[in-house]
Amino acid sequence: MEQVEFNNDVAGMASFVVEGEEYSEDGESAIVPAAVLKRVDINSIPYNFDIEICESQSDEAVVIKIPAYFKRVGEKEFHV
């Protein structure tokens, strides 16, 4: 399982990095392809960070078939 690298700096911005790829632009949420999330260890997902699941992502476009969001709120608890 891959680990999420989550860094919160002093200015309040955060980075959400999986396998060297950063998925957060605003430090409060991330748009992550489903294929990437399938390989992520659930315990490494930070609390109270909004994640939107997409089908695929490139420099040109983000493809979302059915909008899906989740946020980890507890040890094994998520709001979907």
PDB file of N, CA and C in Angstrom:
ATOM      1  N   MET A   1       0.833  -1.183   0.000  1.00  0.00           N
ATOM      2  CA  MET A   1       0.000   0.000   0.000  1.00  0.00           C
ATOM      3  C   MET A   1       0.873   1.239   0.000  1.00  0.00           C
ATOM      4  N   GLU A   2       0.457   2.219  -0.757  1.00  0.00           N
ATOM      5  CA  GLU A   2       1.153   3.502  -0.801  1.00  0.00           C
ATOM      6  C   GLU A   2       0.739   4.370   0.378  1.00  0.00           C
ATOM      7  N   GLN A   3       1.637   5.199   0.835  1.00  0.00           N
ATOM      8  CA  GLN A   3       1.366   6.130   1.929  1.00  0.00           C
ATOM      9  C   GLN A   3       1.132   7.524   1.362  1.00  0.00           C
ATOM     10  N   VAL A   4       0.191   8.244   1.945  1.00  0.00           N
ATOM     11  CA  VAL A   4      -0.018   9.643   1.595  1.00  0.00           C
ATOM     12  C   VAL A   4       1.002  10.454   2.372  1.00  0.00           C
ATOM     13  N   GLU A   5       1.686  11.350   1.663  1.00  0.00           N
ATOM     14  CA  GLU A   5       2.569  12.297   2.331  1.00  0.00           C
ATOM     15  C   GLU A   5       1.751  13.564   2.515  1.00  0.00           C
ATOM     16  N   PHE A   6       1.504  13.934   3.749  1.00  0.00           N
ATOM     17  CA  PHE A   6       0.679  15.098   4.033  1.00  0.00           C
ATOM     18  C   PHE A   6       1.477  16.047   4.900  1.00  0.00           C
ATOM     19  N   ASN A   7       1.758  17.228   4.379  1.00  0.00           N
ATOM     20  CA  ASN A   7       2.544  18.213   5.105  1.00  0.00           C
ATOM     21  C   ASN A   7       1.730  19.480   5.273  1.00  0.00           C
ATOM     22  N   ASN A   8       1.663  19.977   6.479  1.00  0.00           N
ATOM     23  CA  ASN A   8       0.931  21.189   6.792  1.00  0.00           C
ATOM     24  C   ASN A   8       1.969  22.222   7.215  1.00  0.00           C
ATOM     25  N   ASP A   9       2.133  23.301   6.430  1.00  0.00           N
ATOM     26  CA  ASP A   9       3.149  24.277   6.797  1.00  0.00           C
ATOM     27  C   ASP A   9       2.578  25.405   7.655  1.00  0.00           C
ATOM     28  N   VAL A  10       3.402  26.309   8.065  1.00  0.00           N
ATOM     29  CA  VAL A  10       3.028  27.375   8.995  1.00  0.00           C
ATOM     30  C   VAL A  10       1.973  28.305   8.413  1.00  0.00           C
ATOM     31  N   ALA A  11       1.989  28.546   7.122  1.00  0.00           N
ATOM     32  CA  ALA A  11       1.050  29.470   6.488  1.00  0.00           C
ATOM     33  C   ALA A  11      -0.341  28.865   6.322  1.00  0.00           C
ATOM     34  N   GLY A  12      -0.535  27.626   6.757  1.00  0.00           N
ATOM     35  CA  GLY A  12      -1.849  26.996   6.665  1.00  0.00           C
ATOM     36  C   GLY A  12      -2.064  26.209   5.387  1.00  0.00           C
ATOM     37  N   MET A  13      -1.118  26.239   4.465  1.00  0.00           N
ATOM     38  CA  MET A  13      -1.237  25.451   3.243  1.00  0.00           C
ATOM     39  C   MET A  13      -0.789  24.018   3.536  1.00  0.00           C
ATOM     40  N   ALA A  14      -1.311  23.098   2.759  1.00  0.00           N
ATOM     41  CA  ALA A  14      -0.957  21.693   2.950  1.00  0.00           C
ATOM     42  C   ALA A  14      -0.688  21.066   1.595  1.00  0.00           C
ATOM     43  N   SER A  15       0.066  19.987   1.597  1.00  0.00           N
ATOM     44  CA  SER A  15       0.274  19.237   0.358  1.00  0.00           C
ATOM     45  C   SER A  15      -0.199  17.809   0.573  1.00  0.00           C
ATOM     46  N   PHE A  16      -0.796  17.234  -0.449  1.00  0.00           N
ATOM     47  CA  PHE A  16      -1.323  15.873  -0.436  1.00  0.00           C
ATOM     48  C   PHE A  16      -0.601  15.157  -1.566  1.00  0.00           C
ATOM     49  N   VAL A  17       0.374  14.316  -1.228  1.00  0.00           N
ATOM     50  CA  VAL A  17       1.255  13.712  -2.224  1.00  0.00           C
ATOM     51  C   VAL A  17       1.175  12.196  -2.136  1.00  0.00           C
ATOM     52  N   VAL A  18       0.975  11.545  -3.290  1.00  0.00           N
ATOM     53  CA  VAL A  18       0.976  10.089  -3.390  1.00  0.00           C
ATOM     54  C   VAL A  18       1.936   9.718  -4.506  1.00  0.00           C
ATOM     55  N   GLU A  19       2.898   8.845  -4.218  1.00  0.00           N
ATOM     56  CA  GLU A  19       3.887   8.388  -5.200  1.00  0.00           C
ATOM     57  C   GLU A  19       4.566   9.564  -5.894  1.00  0.00           C
ATOM     58  N   GLY A  20       4.873  10.627  -5.137  1.00  0.00           N
ATOM     59  CA  GLY A  20       5.564  11.782  -5.692  1.00  0.00           C
ATOM     60  C   GLY A  20       4.704  12.756  -6.469  1.00  0.00           C
ATOM     61  N   GLU A  21       3.431  12.471  -6.638  1.00  0.00           N
ATOM     62  CA  GLU A  21       2.502  13.332  -7.378  1.00  0.00           C
ATOM     63  C   GLU A  21       1.650  14.117  -6.385  1.00  0.00           C
ATOM     64  N   GLU A  22       1.639  15.460  -6.525  1.00  0.00           N
ATOM     65  CA  GLU A  22       0.837  16.288  -5.625  1.00  0.00           C
ATOM     66  C   GLU A  22      -0.560  16.485  -6.217  1.00  0.00           C
ATOM     67  N   TYR A  23      -1.583  16.306  -5.368  1.00  0.00           N
ATOM     68  CA  TYR A  23      -2.965  16.373  -5.824  1.00  0.00           C
ATOM     69  C   TYR A  23      -3.745  17.536  -5.224  1.00  0.00           C
ATOM     70  N   SER A  24      -3.142  18.351  -4.387  1.00  0.00           N
ATOM     71  CA  SER A  24      -3.849  19.475  -3.777  1.00  0.00           C
ATOM     72  C   SER A  24      -3.283  20.788  -4.295  1.00  0.00           C
ATOM     73  N   GLU A  25      -4.165  21.697  -4.705  1.00  0.00           N
ATOM     74  CA  GLU A  25      -3.725  23.014  -5.150  1.00  0.00           C
ATOM     75  C   GLU A  25      -4.030  24.087  -4.124  1.00  0.00           C
ATOM     76  N   ASP A  26      -5.009  23.840  -3.251  1.00  0.00           N
ATOM     77  CA  ASP A  26      -5.420  24.869  -2.291  1.00  0.00           C
ATOM     78  C   ASP A  26      -5.056  24.531  -0.851  1.00  0.00           C
ATOM     79  N   GLY A  27      -4.519  23.354  -0.608  1.00  0.00           N
ATOM     80  CA  GLY A  27      -4.129  22.974   0.738  1.00  0.00           C
ATOM     81  C   GLY A  27      -5.262  22.518   1.627  1.00  0.00           C
ATOM     82  N   GLU A  28      -6.506  22.536   1.127  1.00  0.00           N
ATOM     83  CA  GLU A  28      -7.668  22.122   1.916  1.00  0.00           C
ATOM     84  C   GLU A  28      -8.400  20.938   1.312  1.00  0.00           C
ATOM     85  N   SER A  29      -8.134  20.655   0.037  1.00  0.00           N
ATOM     86  CA  SER A  29      -8.825  19.570  -0.651  1.00  0.00           C
ATOM     87  C   SER A  29      -7.926  19.023  -1.753  1.00  0.00           C
ATOM     88  N   ALA A  30      -8.330  17.875  -2.298  1.00  0.00           N
ATOM     89  CA  ALA A  30      -7.567  17.254  -3.376  1.00  0.00           C
ATOM     90  C   ALA A  30      -8.522  16.549  -4.322  1.00  0.00           C
ATOM     91  N   ILE A  31      -8.147  16.507  -5.599  1.00  0.00           N
ATOM     92  CA  ILE A  31      -8.848  15.708  -6.601  1.00  0.00           C
ATOM     93  C   ILE A  31      -7.895  14.578  -6.965  1.00  0.00           C
ATOM     94  N   VAL A  32      -8.316  13.340  -6.662  1.00  0.00           N
ATOM     95  CA  VAL A  32      -7.424  12.191  -6.803  1.00  0.00           C
ATOM     96  C   VAL A  32      -8.090  11.127  -7.662  1.00  0.00           C
ATOM     97  N   PRO A  33      -7.379  10.591  -8.683  1.00  0.00           N
ATOM     98  CA  PRO A  33      -7.942   9.505  -9.486  1.00  0.00           C
ATOM     99  C   PRO A  33      -8.234   8.262  -8.645  1.00  0.00           C
ATOM    100  N   ALA A  34      -9.314   7.576  -8.975  1.00  0.00           N
ATOM    101  CA  ALA A  34      -9.729   6.365  -8.252  1.00  0.00           C
ATOM    102  C   ALA A  34      -8.618   5.320  -8.251  1.00  0.00           C
ATOM    103  N   ALA A  35      -7.906   5.183  -9.359  1.00  0.00           N
ATOM    104  CA  ALA A  35      -6.837   4.184  -9.447  1.00  0.00           C
ATOM    105  C   ALA A  35      -5.726   4.460  -8.436  1.00  0.00           C
ATOM    106  N   VAL A  36      -5.470   5.724  -8.138  1.00  0.00           N
ATOM    107  CA  VAL A  36      -4.451   6.083  -7.146  1.00  0.00           C
ATOM    108  C   VAL A  36      -4.959   5.767  -5.748  1.00  0.00           C
ATOM    109  N   LEU A  37      -6.218   6.128  -5.460  1.00  0.00           N
ATOM    110  CA  LEU A  37      -6.783   5.879  -4.128  1.00  0.00           C
ATOM    111  C   LEU A  37      -6.860   4.400  -3.794  1.00  0.00           C
ATOM    112  N   LYS A  38      -7.016   3.550  -4.801  1.00  0.00           N
ATOM    113  CA  LYS A  38      -7.089   2.110  -4.563  1.00  0.00           C
ATOM    114  C   LYS A  38      -5.800   1.573  -3.961  1.00  0.00           C
ATOM    115  N   ARG A  39      -4.693   2.261  -4.205  1.00  0.00           N
ATOM    116  CA  ARG A  39      -3.388   1.793  -3.723  1.00  0.00           C
ATOM    117  C   ARG A  39      -2.964   2.471  -2.419  1.00  0.00           C
ATOM    118  N   VAL A  40      -3.799   3.377  -1.889  1.00  0.00           N
ATOM    119  CA  VAL A  40      -3.434   4.164  -0.711  1.00  0.00           C
ATOM    120  C   VAL A  40      -3.857   3.471   0.575  1.00  0.00           C
ATOM    121  N   ASP A  41      -2.972   3.475   1.543  1.00  0.00           N
ATOM    122  CA  ASP A  41      -3.279   2.965   2.886  1.00  0.00           C
ATOM    123  C   ASP A  41      -4.241   3.948   3.551  1.00  0.00           C
ATOM    124  N   ILE A  42      -5.421   3.492   3.906  1.00  0.00           N
ATOM    125  CA  ILE A  42      -6.464   4.346   4.482  1.00  0.00           C
ATOM    126  C   ILE A  42      -5.976   5.086   5.725  1.00  0.00           C
ATOM    127  N   ASN A  43      -5.105   4.469   6.513  1.00  0.00           N
ATOM    128  CA  ASN A  43      -4.610   5.099   7.734  1.00  0.00           C
ATOM    129  C   ASN A  43      -3.712   6.298   7.463  1.00  0.00           C
ATOM    130  N   SER A  44      -3.234   6.459   6.238  1.00  0.00           N
ATOM    131  CA  SER A  44      -2.359   7.594   5.934  1.00  0.00           C
ATOM    132  C   SER A  44      -3.131   8.797   5.394  1.00  0.00           C
ATOM    133  N   ILE A  45      -4.448   8.656   5.202  1.00  0.00           N
ATOM    134  CA  ILE A  45      -5.263   9.781   4.739  1.00  0.00           C
ATOM    135  C   ILE A  45      -5.490  10.726   5.918  1.00  0.00           C
ATOM    136  N   PRO A  46      -5.217  12.022   5.748  1.00  0.00           N
ATOM    137  CA  PRO A  46      -5.355  12.955   6.874  1.00  0.00           C
ATOM    138  C   PRO A  46      -6.811  13.194   7.253  1.00  0.00           C
ATOM    139  N   TYR A  47      -7.016  13.588   8.498  1.00  0.00           N
ATOM    140  CA  TYR A  47      -8.354  13.926   8.991  1.00  0.00           C
ATOM    141  C   TYR A  47      -8.791  15.283   8.439  1.00  0.00           C
ATOM    142  N   ASN A  48     -10.110  15.431   8.229  1.00  0.00           N
ATOM    143  CA  ASN A  48     -10.731  16.705   7.844  1.00  0.00           C
ATOM    144  C   ASN A  48     -10.115  17.343   6.610  1.00  0.00           C
ATOM    145  N   PHE A  49      -9.810  16.522   5.624  1.00  0.00           N
ATOM    146  CA  PHE A  49      -9.266  16.982   4.349  1.00  0.00           C
ATOM    147  C   PHE A  49     -10.208  16.472   3.270  1.00  0.00           C
ATOM    148  N   ASP A  50     -10.809  17.363   2.485  1.00  0.00           N
ATOM    149  CA  ASP A  50     -11.787  16.972   1.462  1.00  0.00           C
ATOM    150  C   ASP A  50     -11.090  16.331   0.263  1.00  0.00           C
ATOM    151  N   ILE A  51     -11.589  15.164  -0.144  1.00  0.00           N
ATOM    152  CA  ILE A  51     -11.033  14.464  -1.300  1.00  0.00           C
ATOM    153  C   ILE A  51     -12.154  14.194  -2.292  1.00  0.00           C
ATOM    154  N   GLU A  52     -11.945  14.620  -3.534  1.00  0.00           N
ATOM    155  CA  GLU A  52     -12.882  14.333  -4.615  1.00  0.00           C
ATOM    156  C   GLU A  52     -12.261  13.248  -5.480  1.00  0.00           C
ATOM    157  N   ILE A  53     -13.053  12.226  -5.780  1.00  0.00           N
ATOM    158  CA  ILE A  53     -12.570  11.108  -6.588  1.00  0.00           C
ATOM    159  C   ILE A  53     -12.876  11.393  -8.052  1.00  0.00           C
ATOM    160  N   CYS A  54     -11.863  11.236  -8.916  1.00  0.00           N
ATOM    161  CA  CYS A  54     -12.083  11.424 -10.349  1.00  0.00           C
ATOM    162  C   CYS A  54     -11.705  10.141 -11.089  1.00  0.00           C
ATOM    163  N   GLU A  55     -12.138  10.048 -12.328  1.00  0.00           N
ATOM    164  CA  GLU A  55     -11.827   8.880 -13.159  1.00  0.00           C
ATOM    165  C   GLU A  55     -10.378   8.944 -13.635  1.00  0.00           C
ATOM    166  N   SER A  56      -9.965  10.115 -14.117  1.00  0.00           N
ATOM    167  CA  SER A  56      -8.589  10.309 -14.568  1.00  0.00           C
ATOM    168  C   SER A  56      -8.249  11.795 -14.500  1.00  0.00           C
ATOM    169  N   GLN A  57      -6.956  12.074 -14.606  1.00  0.00           N
ATOM    170  CA  GLN A  57      -6.500  13.447 -14.467  1.00  0.00           C
ATOM    171  C   GLN A  57      -5.247  13.636 -15.305  1.00  0.00           C
ATOM    172  N   SER A  58      -5.165  14.766 -16.002  1.00  0.00           N
ATOM    173  CA  SER A  58      -3.972  15.112 -16.769  1.00  0.00           C
ATOM    174  C   SER A  58      -3.792  16.621 -16.697  1.00  0.00           C
ATOM    175  N   ASP A  59      -2.783  17.135 -17.355  1.00  0.00           N
ATOM    176  CA  ASP A  59      -2.569  18.584 -17.372  1.00  0.00           C
ATOM    177  C   ASP A  59      -3.704  19.311 -18.090  1.00  0.00           C
ATOM    178  N   GLU A  60      -4.370  18.633 -19.003  1.00  0.00           N
ATOM    179  CA  GLU A  60      -5.420  19.260 -19.798  1.00  0.00           C
ATOM    180  C   GLU A  60      -6.801  19.180 -19.159  1.00  0.00           C
ATOM    181  N   ALA A  61      -7.087  18.096 -18.419  1.00  0.00           N
ATOM    182  CA  ALA A  61      -8.458  17.918 -17.927  1.00  0.00           C
ATOM    183  C   ALA A  61      -8.527  16.944 -16.760  1.00  0.00           C
ATOM    184  N   VAL A  62      -9.588  17.095 -15.985  1.00  0.00           N
ATOM    185  CA  VAL A  62      -9.939  16.147 -14.933  1.00  0.00           C
ATOM    186  C   VAL A  62     -11.263  15.525 -15.350  1.00  0.00           C
ATOM    187  N   VAL A  63     -11.331  14.203 -15.434  1.00  0.00           N
ATOM    188  CA  VAL A  63     -12.541  13.515 -15.866  1.00  0.00           C
ATOM    189  C   VAL A  63     -13.260  12.956 -14.638  1.00  0.00           C
ATOM    190  N   ILE A  64     -14.488  13.447 -14.417  1.00  0.00           N
ATOM    191  CA  ILE A  64     -15.308  12.978 -13.300  1.00  0.00           C
ATOM    192  C   ILE A  64     -16.608  12.437 -13.868  1.00  0.00           C
ATOM    193  N   LYS A  65     -16.857  11.135 -13.714  1.00  0.00           N
ATOM    194  CA  LYS A  65     -18.092  10.536 -14.225  1.00  0.00           C
ATOM    195  C   LYS A  65     -19.232  10.729 -13.236  1.00  0.00           C
ATOM    196  N   ILE A  66     -19.043  10.335 -12.010  1.00  0.00           N
ATOM    197  CA  ILE A  66     -20.049  10.522 -10.965  1.00  0.00           C
ATOM    198  C   ILE A  66     -19.343  11.238  -9.820  1.00  0.00           C
ATOM    199  N   PRO A  67     -19.780  12.452  -9.502  1.00  0.00           N
ATOM    200  CA  PRO A  67     -19.100  13.174  -8.423  1.00  0.00           C
ATOM    201  C   PRO A  67     -19.135  12.396  -7.112  1.00  0.00           C
ATOM    202  N   ALA A  68     -17.984  12.267  -6.476  1.00  0.00           N
ATOM    203  CA  ALA A  68     -17.889  11.581  -5.198  1.00  0.00           C
ATOM    204  C   ALA A  68     -16.851  12.296  -4.347  1.00  0.00           C
ATOM    205  N   TYR A  69     -17.236  12.629  -3.129  1.00  0.00           N
ATOM    206  CA  TYR A  69     -16.357  13.309  -2.191  1.00  0.00           C
ATOM    207  C   TYR A  69     -16.325  12.518  -0.895  1.00  0.00           C
ATOM    208  N   PHE A  70     -15.213  12.583  -0.188  1.00  0.00           N
ATOM    209  CA  PHE A  70     -15.190  12.007   1.148  1.00  0.00           C
ATOM    210  C   PHE A  70     -14.196  12.759   2.013  1.00  0.00           C
ATOM    211  N   LYS A  71     -14.373  12.609   3.321  1.00  0.00           N
ATOM    212  CA  LYS A  71     -13.508  13.238   4.309  1.00  0.00           C
ATOM    213  C   LYS A  71     -13.346  12.260   5.466  1.00  0.00           C
ATOM    214  N   ARG A  72     -12.108  12.040   5.878  1.00  0.00           N
ATOM    215  CA  ARG A  72     -11.850  11.162   7.022  1.00  0.00           C
ATOM    216  C   ARG A  72     -12.124  11.954   8.296  1.00  0.00           C
ATOM    217  N   VAL A  73     -13.002  11.435   9.142  1.00  0.00           N
ATOM    218  CA  VAL A  73     -13.370  12.143  10.366  1.00  0.00           C
ATOM    219  C   VAL A  73     -13.031  11.356  11.638  1.00  0.00           C
ATOM    220  N   GLY A  74     -12.611  10.114  11.487  1.00  0.00           N
ATOM    221  CA  GLY A  74     -12.262   9.286  12.638  1.00  0.00           C
ATOM    222  C   GLY A  74     -11.310   8.189  12.233  1.00  0.00           C
ATOM    223  N   GLU A  75     -10.923   7.361  13.192  1.00  0.00           N
ATOM    224  CA  GLU A  75      -9.961   6.289  12.931  1.00  0.00           C
ATOM    225  C   GLU A  75     -10.357   5.446  11.723  1.00  0.00           C
ATOM    226  N   LYS A  76     -11.603   4.997  11.678  1.00  0.00           N
ATOM    227  CA  LYS A  76     -12.099   4.232  10.533  1.00  0.00           C
ATOM    228  C   LYS A  76     -13.455   4.783  10.113  1.00  0.00           C
ATOM    229  N   GLU A  77     -13.578   6.109  10.142  1.00  0.00           N
ATOM    230  CA  GLU A  77     -14.857   6.765   9.867  1.00  0.00           C
ATOM    231  C   GLU A  77     -14.670   7.848   8.806  1.00  0.00           C
ATOM    232  N   PHE A  78     -15.542   7.784   7.793  1.00  0.00           N
ATOM    233  CA  PHE A  78     -15.483   8.742   6.691  1.00  0.00           C
ATOM    234  C   PHE A  78     -16.856   9.320   6.430  1.00  0.00           C
ATOM    235  N   HIS A  79     -16.922  10.575   6.049  1.00  0.00           N
ATOM    236  CA  HIS A  79     -18.173  11.160   5.536  1.00  0.00           C
ATOM    237  C   HIS A  79     -18.091  11.102   4.026  1.00  0.00           C
ATOM    238  N   VAL A  80     -19.101  10.543   3.382  1.00  0.00           N
ATOM    239  CA  VAL A  80     -19.124  10.411   1.919  1.00  0.00           C
ATOM    240  C   VAL A  80     -20.214  11.279   1.379  1.00  0.00           C
TER     241      VAL A  80
END
